[in-house]
Amino acid sequence: MKKIKISVAALLIAGTSMVFTSCIGSFGLTNKLMSWNRHIGPKFANELVFIAFWILPVYEVTALADLLVINSIEFWSGSNPMTASVKAVDTDHGRYLIACDGKGYTITHQATGEEVRLDFDMPSQTWSVETPEGEKMPFMTFVDDTHVKLPALDGGMTEVELSEHGVMAYEASAGIAPMAQR
């Protein structure tokens, strides 16, 4: 009898936590697992792993973890802990650490500690860079599938076609050397 009361109490707590957060969430853990599953190998191997993960309750467990814990953290903190990651990129100018927090990227030069913050605003479809003063300066806005708006020399924004011709025209208007010459 005591086990039943504890089980009922746990279910009630889990149920009310979902009601009070009113958050659907992004289901980051489940989506990462599914993304990994899609890239295992040939489509038949992917399908076999997918079926196996449903028979063994792998997807059910990740969905439950997302539902009860991770999505609640995402709702209350504003960021999904499953989207956070750091990658190292080696270049001719040194090593850069790129941290993703689900809202944007922080790029840090490992040797100097200099940081650049890039953020994406979903409603306006705009990428911006944070200035040293903490202001956000937009540098690219998606117009549609084939056009973006980029900074112009006059301080405004100019629409650029996402094609080789469009990029070359933008480079010429902005006084930037073509990519092939850099």
N, C-alpha and C. Protein backbone atom coordinates (compact mmCIF):
# COMPACT_ATOMS: atom_id res chain seq x y z
N MET A 1 0.82 -1.19 0.00
CA MET A 1 0.00 0.00 0.00
C MET A 1 0.86 1.26 0.00
N LYS A 2 1.96 1.20 0.80
CA LYS A 2 2.84 2.37 0.89
C LYS A 2 3.50 2.67 -0.46
N LYS A 3 3.86 1.59 -1.23
CA LYS A 3 4.46 1.77 -2.55
C LYS A 3 3.50 2.47 -3.50
N ILE A 4 2.24 2.12 -3.42
CA ILE A 4 1.23 2.73 -4.29
C ILE A 4 1.09 4.22 -3.97
N LYS A 5 1.09 4.59 -2.70
CA LYS A 5 0.98 6.00 -2.31
C LYS A 5 2.18 6.80 -2.82
N ILE A 6 3.36 6.20 -2.71
CA ILE A 6 4.57 6.89 -3.18
C ILE A 6 4.51 7.05 -4.70
N SER A 7 4.08 6.01 -5.40
CA SER A 7 3.97 6.08 -6.86
C SER A 7 2.95 7.13 -7.29
N VAL A 8 1.82 7.16 -6.62
CA VAL A 8 0.78 8.14 -6.94
C VAL A 8 1.29 9.55 -6.66
N ALA A 9 1.98 9.73 -5.53
CA ALA A 9 2.52 11.05 -5.19
C ALA A 9 3.54 11.50 -6.24
N ALA A 10 4.41 10.57 -6.66
CA ALA A 10 5.41 10.91 -7.68
C ALA A 10 4.75 11.30 -8.99
N LEU A 11 3.71 10.58 -9.39
CA LEU A 11 2.98 10.91 -10.61
C LEU A 11 2.29 12.27 -10.50
N LEU A 12 1.70 12.55 -9.34
CA LEU A 12 1.04 13.85 -9.14
C LEU A 12 2.04 15.00 -9.20
N ILE A 13 3.19 14.82 -8.57
CA ILE A 13 4.22 15.86 -8.61
C ILE A 13 4.70 16.08 -10.03
N ALA A 14 4.98 15.00 -10.75
CA ALA A 14 5.42 15.12 -12.15
C ALA A 14 4.35 15.78 -12.99
N GLY A 15 3.10 15.39 -12.80
CA GLY A 15 2.00 15.97 -13.58
C GLY A 15 1.81 17.44 -13.30
N THR A 16 1.86 17.83 -12.01
CA THR A 16 1.68 19.25 -11.70
C THR A 16 2.87 20.09 -12.14
N SER A 17 4.07 19.50 -12.12
CA SER A 17 5.23 20.28 -12.59
C SER A 17 5.08 20.61 -14.06
N MET A 18 4.49 19.69 -14.82
CA MET A 18 4.27 19.95 -16.24
C MET A 18 3.18 21.00 -16.43
N VAL A 19 2.15 20.96 -15.62
CA VAL A 19 1.05 21.91 -15.74
C VAL A 19 1.51 23.31 -15.39
N PHE A 20 2.28 23.45 -14.32
CA PHE A 20 2.69 24.77 -13.88
C PHE A 20 3.75 25.41 -14.75
N THR A 21 4.54 24.63 -15.46
CA THR A 21 5.56 25.23 -16.31
C THR A 21 4.98 25.68 -17.64
N SER A 22 3.91 25.06 -18.09
CA SER A 22 3.26 25.37 -19.37
C SER A 22 4.27 25.56 -20.49
N CYS A 23 5.17 24.60 -20.60
CA CYS A 23 6.24 24.68 -21.59
C CYS A 23 6.28 23.39 -22.39
N ILE A 24 6.21 23.52 -23.69
CA ILE A 24 6.34 22.33 -24.53
C ILE A 24 7.80 21.94 -24.59
N GLY A 25 8.69 22.89 -24.75
CA GLY A 25 10.12 22.61 -24.78
C GLY A 25 10.59 22.12 -26.13
N SER A 26 11.90 22.02 -26.25
CA SER A 26 12.49 21.64 -27.53
C SER A 26 12.87 20.16 -27.60
N PHE A 27 12.72 19.43 -26.51
CA PHE A 27 13.06 18.01 -26.46
C PHE A 27 14.47 17.78 -27.01
N GLY A 28 15.45 18.53 -26.46
CA GLY A 28 16.83 18.50 -26.94
C GLY A 28 17.49 17.14 -26.86
N LEU A 29 17.30 16.41 -25.76
CA LEU A 29 17.94 15.10 -25.62
C LEU A 29 17.40 14.12 -26.64
N THR A 30 16.08 14.06 -26.77
CA THR A 30 15.46 13.14 -27.73
C THR A 30 15.86 13.51 -29.15
N ASN A 31 15.87 14.80 -29.47
CA ASN A 31 16.25 15.23 -30.81
C ASN A 31 17.72 14.92 -31.12
N LYS A 32 18.61 15.06 -30.12
CA LYS A 32 20.01 14.71 -30.35
C LYS A 32 20.15 13.22 -30.62
N LEU A 33 19.42 12.41 -29.88
CA LEU A 33 19.47 10.97 -30.10
C LEU A 33 18.94 10.61 -31.49
N MET A 34 17.84 11.23 -31.89
CA MET A 34 17.27 10.96 -33.21
C MET A 34 18.22 11.44 -34.32
N SER A 35 18.85 12.58 -34.12
CA SER A 35 19.81 13.09 -35.11
C SER A 35 20.99 12.13 -35.25
N TRP A 36 21.48 11.64 -34.13
CA TRP A 36 22.57 10.67 -34.17
C TRP A 36 22.11 9.42 -34.92
N ASN A 37 20.89 8.96 -34.63
CA ASN A 37 20.34 7.76 -35.27
C ASN A 37 20.24 7.93 -36.78
N ARG A 38 19.93 9.12 -37.27
CA ARG A 38 19.78 9.36 -38.71
C ARG A 38 21.11 9.28 -39.46
N HIS A 39 22.23 9.40 -38.74
CA HIS A 39 23.53 9.45 -39.40
C HIS A 39 24.42 8.26 -39.08
N ILE A 40 23.85 7.16 -38.63
CA ILE A 40 24.63 5.97 -38.32
C ILE A 40 25.24 5.38 -39.57
N GLY A 41 24.45 5.23 -40.60
CA GLY A 41 24.93 4.60 -41.82
C GLY A 41 23.83 4.56 -42.85
N PRO A 42 23.76 3.47 -43.60
CA PRO A 42 22.70 3.35 -44.61
C PRO A 42 21.32 3.43 -43.95
N LYS A 43 20.32 3.78 -44.74
CA LYS A 43 18.99 4.00 -44.18
C LYS A 43 18.43 2.74 -43.52
N PHE A 44 18.82 1.56 -43.97
CA PHE A 44 18.32 0.33 -43.35
C PHE A 44 18.90 0.15 -41.94
N ALA A 45 20.18 0.49 -41.78
CA ALA A 45 20.80 0.43 -40.45
C ALA A 45 20.15 1.44 -39.52
N ASN A 46 19.91 2.65 -40.04
CA ASN A 46 19.23 3.68 -39.25
C ASN A 46 17.87 3.18 -38.78
N GLU A 47 17.13 2.54 -39.68
CA GLU A 47 15.79 2.05 -39.34
C GLU A 47 15.85 0.95 -38.29
N LEU A 48 16.81 0.04 -38.42
CA LEU A 48 16.95 -1.04 -37.43
C LEU A 48 17.27 -0.49 -36.04
N VAL A 49 18.17 0.48 -35.97
CA VAL A 49 18.50 1.09 -34.68
C VAL A 49 17.28 1.83 -34.14
N PHE A 50 16.55 2.54 -35.01
CA PHE A 50 15.35 3.25 -34.60
C PHE A 50 14.34 2.28 -33.97
N ILE A 51 14.09 1.16 -34.63
CA ILE A 51 13.13 0.17 -34.12
C ILE A 51 13.64 -0.42 -32.80
N ALA A 52 14.94 -0.74 -32.75
CA ALA A 52 15.51 -1.29 -31.52
C ALA A 52 15.38 -0.32 -30.36
N PHE A 53 15.59 0.97 -30.63
CA PHE A 53 15.49 1.98 -29.57
C PHE A 53 14.05 2.18 -29.09
N TRP A 54 13.06 1.84 -29.92
CA TRP A 54 11.67 1.89 -29.46
C TRP A 54 11.32 0.63 -28.67
N ILE A 55 11.86 -0.52 -29.10
CA ILE A 55 11.58 -1.76 -28.37
C ILE A 55 12.25 -1.72 -27.00
N LEU A 56 13.56 -1.44 -26.98
CA LEU A 56 14.23 -1.14 -25.71
C LEU A 56 13.76 0.28 -25.42
N PRO A 57 13.34 0.63 -24.29
CA PRO A 57 12.68 1.94 -24.15
C PRO A 57 13.64 3.14 -24.14
N VAL A 58 14.59 3.18 -25.08
CA VAL A 58 15.57 4.28 -25.12
C VAL A 58 14.88 5.60 -25.45
N TYR A 59 14.07 5.63 -26.52
CA TYR A 59 13.38 6.87 -26.88
C TYR A 59 12.38 7.29 -25.80
N GLU A 60 11.72 6.31 -25.20
CA GLU A 60 10.76 6.63 -24.15
C GLU A 60 11.45 7.27 -22.95
N VAL A 61 12.63 6.74 -22.59
CA VAL A 61 13.38 7.29 -21.45
C VAL A 61 13.86 8.71 -21.76
N THR A 62 14.40 8.93 -22.96
CA THR A 62 14.88 10.28 -23.29
C THR A 62 13.71 11.26 -23.36
N ALA A 63 12.58 10.83 -23.90
CA ALA A 63 11.41 11.72 -23.96
C ALA A 63 10.92 12.05 -22.56
N LEU A 64 10.92 11.07 -21.67
CA LEU A 64 10.49 11.31 -20.30
C LEU A 64 11.46 12.25 -19.59
N ALA A 65 12.77 12.06 -19.80
CA ALA A 65 13.77 12.95 -19.20
C ALA A 65 13.58 14.38 -19.73
N ASP A 66 13.34 14.51 -21.03
CA ASP A 66 13.07 15.83 -21.60
C ASP A 66 11.81 16.43 -20.97
N LEU A 67 10.76 15.66 -20.93
CA LEU A 67 9.46 16.14 -20.44
C LEU A 67 9.52 16.59 -19.00
N LEU A 68 10.12 15.78 -18.12
CA LEU A 68 10.09 16.06 -16.69
C LEU A 68 11.21 16.96 -16.20
N VAL A 69 12.39 16.88 -16.83
CA VAL A 69 13.54 17.61 -16.28
C VAL A 69 14.07 18.68 -17.22
N ILE A 70 14.53 18.28 -18.40
CA ILE A 70 15.28 19.18 -19.28
C ILE A 70 14.40 20.32 -19.79
N ASN A 71 13.16 20.02 -20.21
CA ASN A 71 12.28 21.09 -20.69
C ASN A 71 11.92 22.07 -19.57
N SER A 72 11.79 21.58 -18.33
CA SER A 72 11.52 22.47 -17.20
C SER A 72 12.71 23.40 -16.95
N ILE A 73 13.94 22.83 -17.04
CA ILE A 73 15.14 23.67 -16.90
C ILE A 73 15.17 24.72 -17.99
N GLU A 74 14.85 24.29 -19.22
CA GLU A 74 14.83 25.23 -20.35
C GLU A 74 13.81 26.34 -20.12
N PHE A 75 12.63 25.99 -19.61
CA PHE A 75 11.60 27.00 -19.38
C PHE A 75 12.03 28.01 -18.32
N TRP A 76 12.54 27.54 -17.19
CA TRP A 76 12.86 28.43 -16.08
C TRP A 76 14.16 29.19 -16.30
N SER A 77 15.15 28.59 -16.97
CA SER A 77 16.44 29.27 -17.14
C SER A 77 16.51 30.04 -18.46
N GLY A 78 15.68 29.65 -19.43
CA GLY A 78 15.72 30.31 -20.73
C GLY A 78 16.69 29.67 -21.70
N SER A 79 17.45 28.66 -21.28
CA SER A 79 18.35 27.97 -22.20
C SER A 79 18.29 26.47 -21.95
N ASN A 80 18.46 25.72 -23.02
CA ASN A 80 18.38 24.28 -22.93
C ASN A 80 19.77 23.73 -22.63
N PRO A 81 19.93 22.99 -21.54
CA PRO A 81 21.25 22.47 -21.20
C PRO A 81 21.79 21.48 -22.23
N MET A 82 20.93 20.92 -23.07
CA MET A 82 21.36 19.96 -24.08
C MET A 82 21.97 20.65 -25.30
N THR A 83 21.72 21.94 -25.48
CA THR A 83 22.27 22.64 -26.64
C THR A 83 23.65 23.24 -26.36
N ALA A 84 24.05 23.25 -25.09
CA ALA A 84 25.34 23.82 -24.74
C ALA A 84 26.47 22.90 -25.19
N SER A 85 27.46 23.48 -25.87
CA SER A 85 28.63 22.71 -26.28
C SER A 85 29.77 23.66 -26.59
N VAL A 86 30.99 23.14 -26.56
CA VAL A 86 32.18 23.93 -26.89
C VAL A 86 33.01 23.13 -27.89
N LYS A 87 33.40 23.78 -28.96
CA LYS A 87 34.25 23.16 -29.99
C LYS A 87 35.52 23.98 -30.12
N ALA A 88 36.62 23.31 -30.39
CA ALA A 88 37.89 23.99 -30.63
C ALA A 88 38.18 23.98 -32.13
N VAL A 89 38.60 25.13 -32.65
CA VAL A 89 38.93 25.26 -34.06
C VAL A 89 40.33 25.85 -34.16
N ASP A 90 41.23 25.12 -34.84
CA ASP A 90 42.60 25.59 -35.05
C ASP A 90 42.68 26.31 -36.38
N THR A 91 43.27 27.52 -36.36
CA THR A 91 43.43 28.32 -37.57
C THR A 91 44.88 28.80 -37.66
N ASP A 92 45.19 29.53 -38.73
CA ASP A 92 46.52 30.13 -38.87
C ASP A 92 46.76 31.20 -37.80
N HIS A 93 45.68 31.72 -37.21
CA HIS A 93 45.77 32.78 -36.20
C HIS A 93 45.68 32.25 -34.79
N GLY A 94 45.70 30.93 -34.61
CA GLY A 94 45.63 30.34 -33.28
C GLY A 94 44.38 29.49 -33.11
N ARG A 95 44.17 29.04 -31.90
CA ARG A 95 43.02 28.20 -31.57
C ARG A 95 41.89 29.06 -31.02
N TYR A 96 40.68 28.77 -31.54
CA TYR A 96 39.48 29.46 -31.09
C TYR A 96 38.54 28.44 -30.45
N LEU A 97 37.94 28.83 -29.34
CA LEU A 97 36.93 28.00 -28.68
C LEU A 97 35.57 28.60 -29.01
N ILE A 98 34.68 27.78 -29.55
CA ILE A 98 33.36 28.24 -29.94
C ILE A 98 32.35 27.56 -29.04
N ALA A 99 31.71 28.35 -28.19
CA ALA A 99 30.71 27.84 -27.24
C ALA A 99 29.32 28.17 -27.75
N CYS A 100 28.47 27.15 -27.82
CA CYS A 100 27.09 27.33 -28.24
C CYS A 100 26.20 27.13 -27.03
N ASP A 101 25.30 28.08 -26.79
CA ASP A 101 24.40 27.96 -25.65
C ASP A 101 22.94 27.85 -26.08
N GLY A 102 22.70 27.61 -27.37
CA GLY A 102 21.33 27.48 -27.86
C GLY A 102 20.73 28.80 -28.29
N LYS A 103 21.32 29.91 -27.89
CA LYS A 103 20.83 31.24 -28.28
C LYS A 103 21.81 31.92 -29.23
N GLY A 104 23.04 31.43 -29.24
CA GLY A 104 24.07 32.03 -30.08
C GLY A 104 25.42 31.41 -29.77
N TYR A 105 26.47 32.11 -30.15
CA TYR A 105 27.83 31.59 -30.01
C TYR A 105 28.73 32.62 -29.33
N THR A 106 29.64 32.12 -28.49
CA THR A 106 30.71 32.94 -27.95
C THR A 106 32.00 32.36 -28.50
N ILE A 107 32.76 33.18 -29.23
CA ILE A 107 33.99 32.75 -29.85
C ILE A 107 35.15 33.38 -29.08
N THR A 108 36.03 32.54 -28.54
CA THR A 108 37.12 33.01 -27.69
C THR A 108 38.45 32.59 -28.31
N HIS A 109 39.35 33.59 -28.48
CA HIS A 109 40.71 33.28 -28.92
C HIS A 109 41.44 32.73 -27.70
N GLN A 110 41.87 31.47 -27.77
CA GLN A 110 42.39 30.80 -26.59
C GLN A 110 43.64 31.50 -26.03
N ALA A 111 44.53 31.99 -26.88
CA ALA A 111 45.77 32.59 -26.40
C ALA A 111 45.56 33.95 -25.75
N THR A 112 44.68 34.78 -26.33
CA THR A 112 44.51 36.14 -25.82
C THR A 112 43.30 36.31 -24.92
N GLY A 113 42.35 35.39 -25.01
CA GLY A 113 41.14 35.51 -24.21
C GLY A 113 40.11 36.46 -24.79
N GLU A 114 40.41 37.05 -25.97
CA GLU A 114 39.44 37.96 -26.61
C GLU A 114 38.19 37.17 -26.99
N GLU A 115 37.03 37.81 -26.74
CA GLU A 115 35.76 37.16 -27.04
C GLU A 115 34.91 37.97 -28.00
N VAL A 116 34.14 37.26 -28.81
CA VAL A 116 33.13 37.86 -29.68
C VAL A 116 31.86 37.07 -29.45
N ARG A 117 30.75 37.78 -29.26
CA ARG A 117 29.47 37.13 -29.02
C ARG A 117 28.56 37.34 -30.23
N LEU A 118 28.02 36.24 -30.79
CA LEU A 118 27.08 36.28 -31.91
C LEU A 118 25.74 35.74 -31.41
N ASP A 119 24.67 36.48 -31.64
CA ASP A 119 23.34 36.06 -31.22
C ASP A 119 22.38 36.05 -32.40
N PHE A 120 21.43 35.11 -32.37
CA PHE A 120 20.40 35.03 -33.39
C PHE A 120 19.06 35.35 -32.77
N ASP A 121 18.36 36.34 -33.35
CA ASP A 121 17.02 36.70 -32.89
C ASP A 121 16.01 36.06 -33.83
N MET A 122 15.31 35.06 -33.34
CA MET A 122 14.40 34.27 -34.17
C MET A 122 13.27 35.11 -34.77
N PRO A 123 12.57 35.95 -34.00
CA PRO A 123 11.46 36.70 -34.60
C PRO A 123 11.86 37.59 -35.77
N SER A 124 13.01 38.24 -35.67
CA SER A 124 13.44 39.12 -36.76
C SER A 124 14.35 38.41 -37.75
N GLN A 125 14.74 37.16 -37.45
CA GLN A 125 15.64 36.37 -38.32
C GLN A 125 16.97 37.10 -38.54
N THR A 126 17.51 37.68 -37.45
CA THR A 126 18.71 38.51 -37.56
C THR A 126 19.84 38.01 -36.68
N TRP A 127 21.04 37.92 -37.26
CA TRP A 127 22.26 37.65 -36.51
C TRP A 127 22.85 38.99 -36.11
N SER A 128 23.35 39.08 -34.88
CA SER A 128 24.00 40.31 -34.44
C SER A 128 25.27 39.96 -33.68
N VAL A 129 26.18 40.93 -33.62
CA VAL A 129 27.42 40.78 -32.88
C VAL A 129 27.37 41.78 -31.73
N GLU A 130 27.87 41.36 -30.58
CA GLU A 130 27.87 42.24 -29.41
C GLU A 130 29.13 43.09 -29.42
N THR A 131 28.96 44.42 -29.32
CA THR A 131 30.10 45.34 -29.31
C THR A 131 30.74 45.32 -27.93
N PRO A 132 31.96 45.85 -27.79
CA PRO A 132 32.60 45.91 -26.47
C PRO A 132 31.77 46.68 -25.44
N GLU A 133 30.91 47.60 -25.91
CA GLU A 133 30.05 48.37 -25.01
C GLU A 133 28.80 47.60 -24.60
N GLY A 134 28.62 46.40 -25.16
CA GLY A 134 27.46 45.57 -24.81
C GLY A 134 26.26 45.77 -25.71
N GLU A 135 26.39 46.60 -26.75
CA GLU A 135 25.28 46.81 -27.69
C GLU A 135 25.28 45.71 -28.75
N LYS A 136 24.10 45.37 -29.24
CA LYS A 136 24.00 44.38 -30.31
C LYS A 136 23.92 45.09 -31.65
N MET A 137 24.85 44.73 -32.55
CA MET A 137 24.90 45.34 -33.87
C MET A 137 24.52 44.27 -34.90
N PRO A 138 23.37 44.44 -35.58
CA PRO A 138 22.97 43.44 -36.58
C PRO A 138 23.94 43.41 -37.75
N PHE A 139 24.24 42.18 -38.23
CA PHE A 139 25.11 42.08 -39.39
C PHE A 139 24.52 41.21 -40.50
N MET A 140 23.43 40.49 -40.23
CA MET A 140 22.80 39.73 -41.30
C MET A 140 21.36 39.40 -40.90
N THR A 141 20.43 39.73 -41.81
CA THR A 141 19.02 39.41 -41.61
C THR A 141 18.54 38.59 -42.79
N PHE A 142 17.93 37.45 -42.49
CA PHE A 142 17.39 36.61 -43.56
C PHE A 142 16.08 37.22 -44.06
N VAL A 143 16.01 37.45 -45.38
CA VAL A 143 14.81 38.00 -46.00
C VAL A 143 13.92 36.86 -46.47
N ASP A 144 14.51 35.92 -47.21
CA ASP A 144 13.83 34.71 -47.67
C ASP A 144 14.89 33.66 -47.93
N ASP A 145 14.56 32.60 -48.63
CA ASP A 145 15.51 31.52 -48.86
C ASP A 145 16.68 31.90 -49.75
N THR A 146 16.55 32.99 -50.51
CA THR A 146 17.60 33.35 -51.46
C THR A 146 18.17 34.75 -51.26
N HIS A 147 17.76 35.45 -50.19
CA HIS A 147 18.24 36.82 -49.97
C HIS A 147 18.49 37.08 -48.48
N VAL A 148 19.52 37.90 -48.22
CA VAL A 148 19.79 38.38 -46.87
C VAL A 148 20.06 39.88 -46.96
N LYS A 149 19.94 40.55 -45.82
CA LYS A 149 20.34 41.96 -45.73
C LYS A 149 21.64 42.02 -44.96
N LEU A 150 22.63 42.75 -45.54
CA LEU A 150 23.94 42.90 -44.94
C LEU A 150 24.26 44.39 -44.80
N PRO A 151 25.21 44.74 -43.91
CA PRO A 151 25.56 46.15 -43.73
C PRO A 151 26.09 46.78 -45.03
N ALA A 152 25.68 48.02 -45.27
CA ALA A 152 26.14 48.79 -46.43
C ALA A 152 27.10 49.87 -45.96
N LEU A 153 27.85 50.43 -46.89
CA LEU A 153 28.81 51.48 -46.53
C LEU A 153 28.14 52.73 -45.96
N ASP A 154 26.88 52.99 -46.35
CA ASP A 154 26.19 54.19 -45.87
C ASP A 154 25.61 54.01 -44.46
N GLY A 155 25.87 52.85 -43.82
CA GLY A 155 25.37 52.60 -42.46
C GLY A 155 24.06 51.86 -42.42
N GLY A 156 23.40 51.76 -43.57
CA GLY A 156 22.14 51.02 -43.63
C GLY A 156 22.38 49.56 -43.95
N MET A 157 21.35 48.92 -44.42
CA MET A 157 21.45 47.52 -44.81
C MET A 157 21.10 47.42 -46.30
N THR A 158 21.76 46.50 -47.00
CA THR A 158 21.49 46.27 -48.40
C THR A 158 21.12 44.81 -48.61
N GLU A 159 20.18 44.57 -49.52
CA GLU A 159 19.74 43.21 -49.79
C GLU A 159 20.71 42.54 -50.77
N VAL A 160 21.10 41.31 -50.43
CA VAL A 160 22.08 40.58 -51.23
C VAL A 160 21.49 39.21 -51.61
N GLU A 161 21.64 38.87 -52.87
CA GLU A 161 21.19 37.55 -53.33
C GLU A 161 22.22 36.51 -52.89
N LEU A 162 21.74 35.39 -52.38
CA LEU A 162 22.63 34.31 -51.94
C LEU A 162 23.03 33.45 -53.13
N SER A 163 23.93 34.01 -53.92
CA SER A 163 24.48 33.32 -55.08
C SER A 163 25.90 33.84 -55.26
N GLU A 164 26.66 33.20 -56.13
CA GLU A 164 28.02 33.67 -56.38
C GLU A 164 28.00 35.09 -56.91
N HIS A 165 27.09 35.36 -57.84
CA HIS A 165 26.97 36.70 -58.41
C HIS A 165 26.60 37.73 -57.33
N GLY A 166 25.65 37.39 -56.48
CA GLY A 166 25.21 38.31 -55.43
C GLY A 166 26.32 38.62 -54.43
N VAL A 167 27.08 37.59 -54.03
CA VAL A 167 28.17 37.79 -53.08
C VAL A 167 29.28 38.62 -53.72
N MET A 168 29.59 38.35 -54.97
CA MET A 168 30.63 39.13 -55.66
C MET A 168 30.21 40.59 -55.78
N ALA A 169 28.94 40.85 -56.07
CA ALA A 169 28.45 42.22 -56.18
C ALA A 169 28.53 42.92 -54.82
N TYR A 170 28.21 42.20 -53.75
CA TYR A 170 28.29 42.80 -52.41
C TYR A 170 29.74 43.12 -52.06
N GLU A 171 30.65 42.18 -52.33
CA GLU A 171 32.06 42.40 -52.05
C GLU A 171 32.57 43.63 -52.78
N ALA A 172 32.18 43.79 -54.06
CA ALA A 172 32.62 44.94 -54.85
C ALA A 172 32.05 46.23 -54.27
N SER A 173 30.77 46.24 -53.88
CA SER A 173 30.16 47.47 -53.35
C SER A 173 30.72 47.84 -51.98
N ALA A 174 31.18 46.83 -51.21
CA ALA A 174 31.72 47.10 -49.88
C ALA A 174 33.23 47.29 -49.89
N GLY A 175 33.87 47.13 -51.07
CA GLY A 175 35.31 47.31 -51.17
C GLY A 175 36.09 46.15 -50.55
N ILE A 176 35.49 44.97 -50.56
CA ILE A 176 36.15 43.78 -49.99
C ILE A 176 36.78 43.00 -51.13
N ALA A 177 38.02 42.53 -50.90
CA ALA A 177 38.69 41.72 -51.92
C ALA A 177 37.92 40.42 -52.11
N PRO A 178 37.74 39.98 -53.36
CA PRO A 178 37.04 38.70 -53.60
C PRO A 178 37.69 37.57 -52.83
N MET A 179 36.87 36.58 -52.43
CA MET A 179 37.33 35.45 -51.62
C MET A 179 38.52 34.75 -52.27
N ALA A 180 38.55 34.64 -53.59
CA ALA A 180 39.63 33.94 -54.29
C ALA A 180 40.97 34.64 -54.10
N GLN A 181 40.97 35.96 -53.84
CA GLN A 181 42.22 36.71 -53.69
C GLN A 181 42.68 36.79 -52.24
N ARG A 182 41.89 36.30 -51.31
CA ARG A 182 42.29 36.40 -49.89
C ARG A 182 43.15 35.26 -49.47
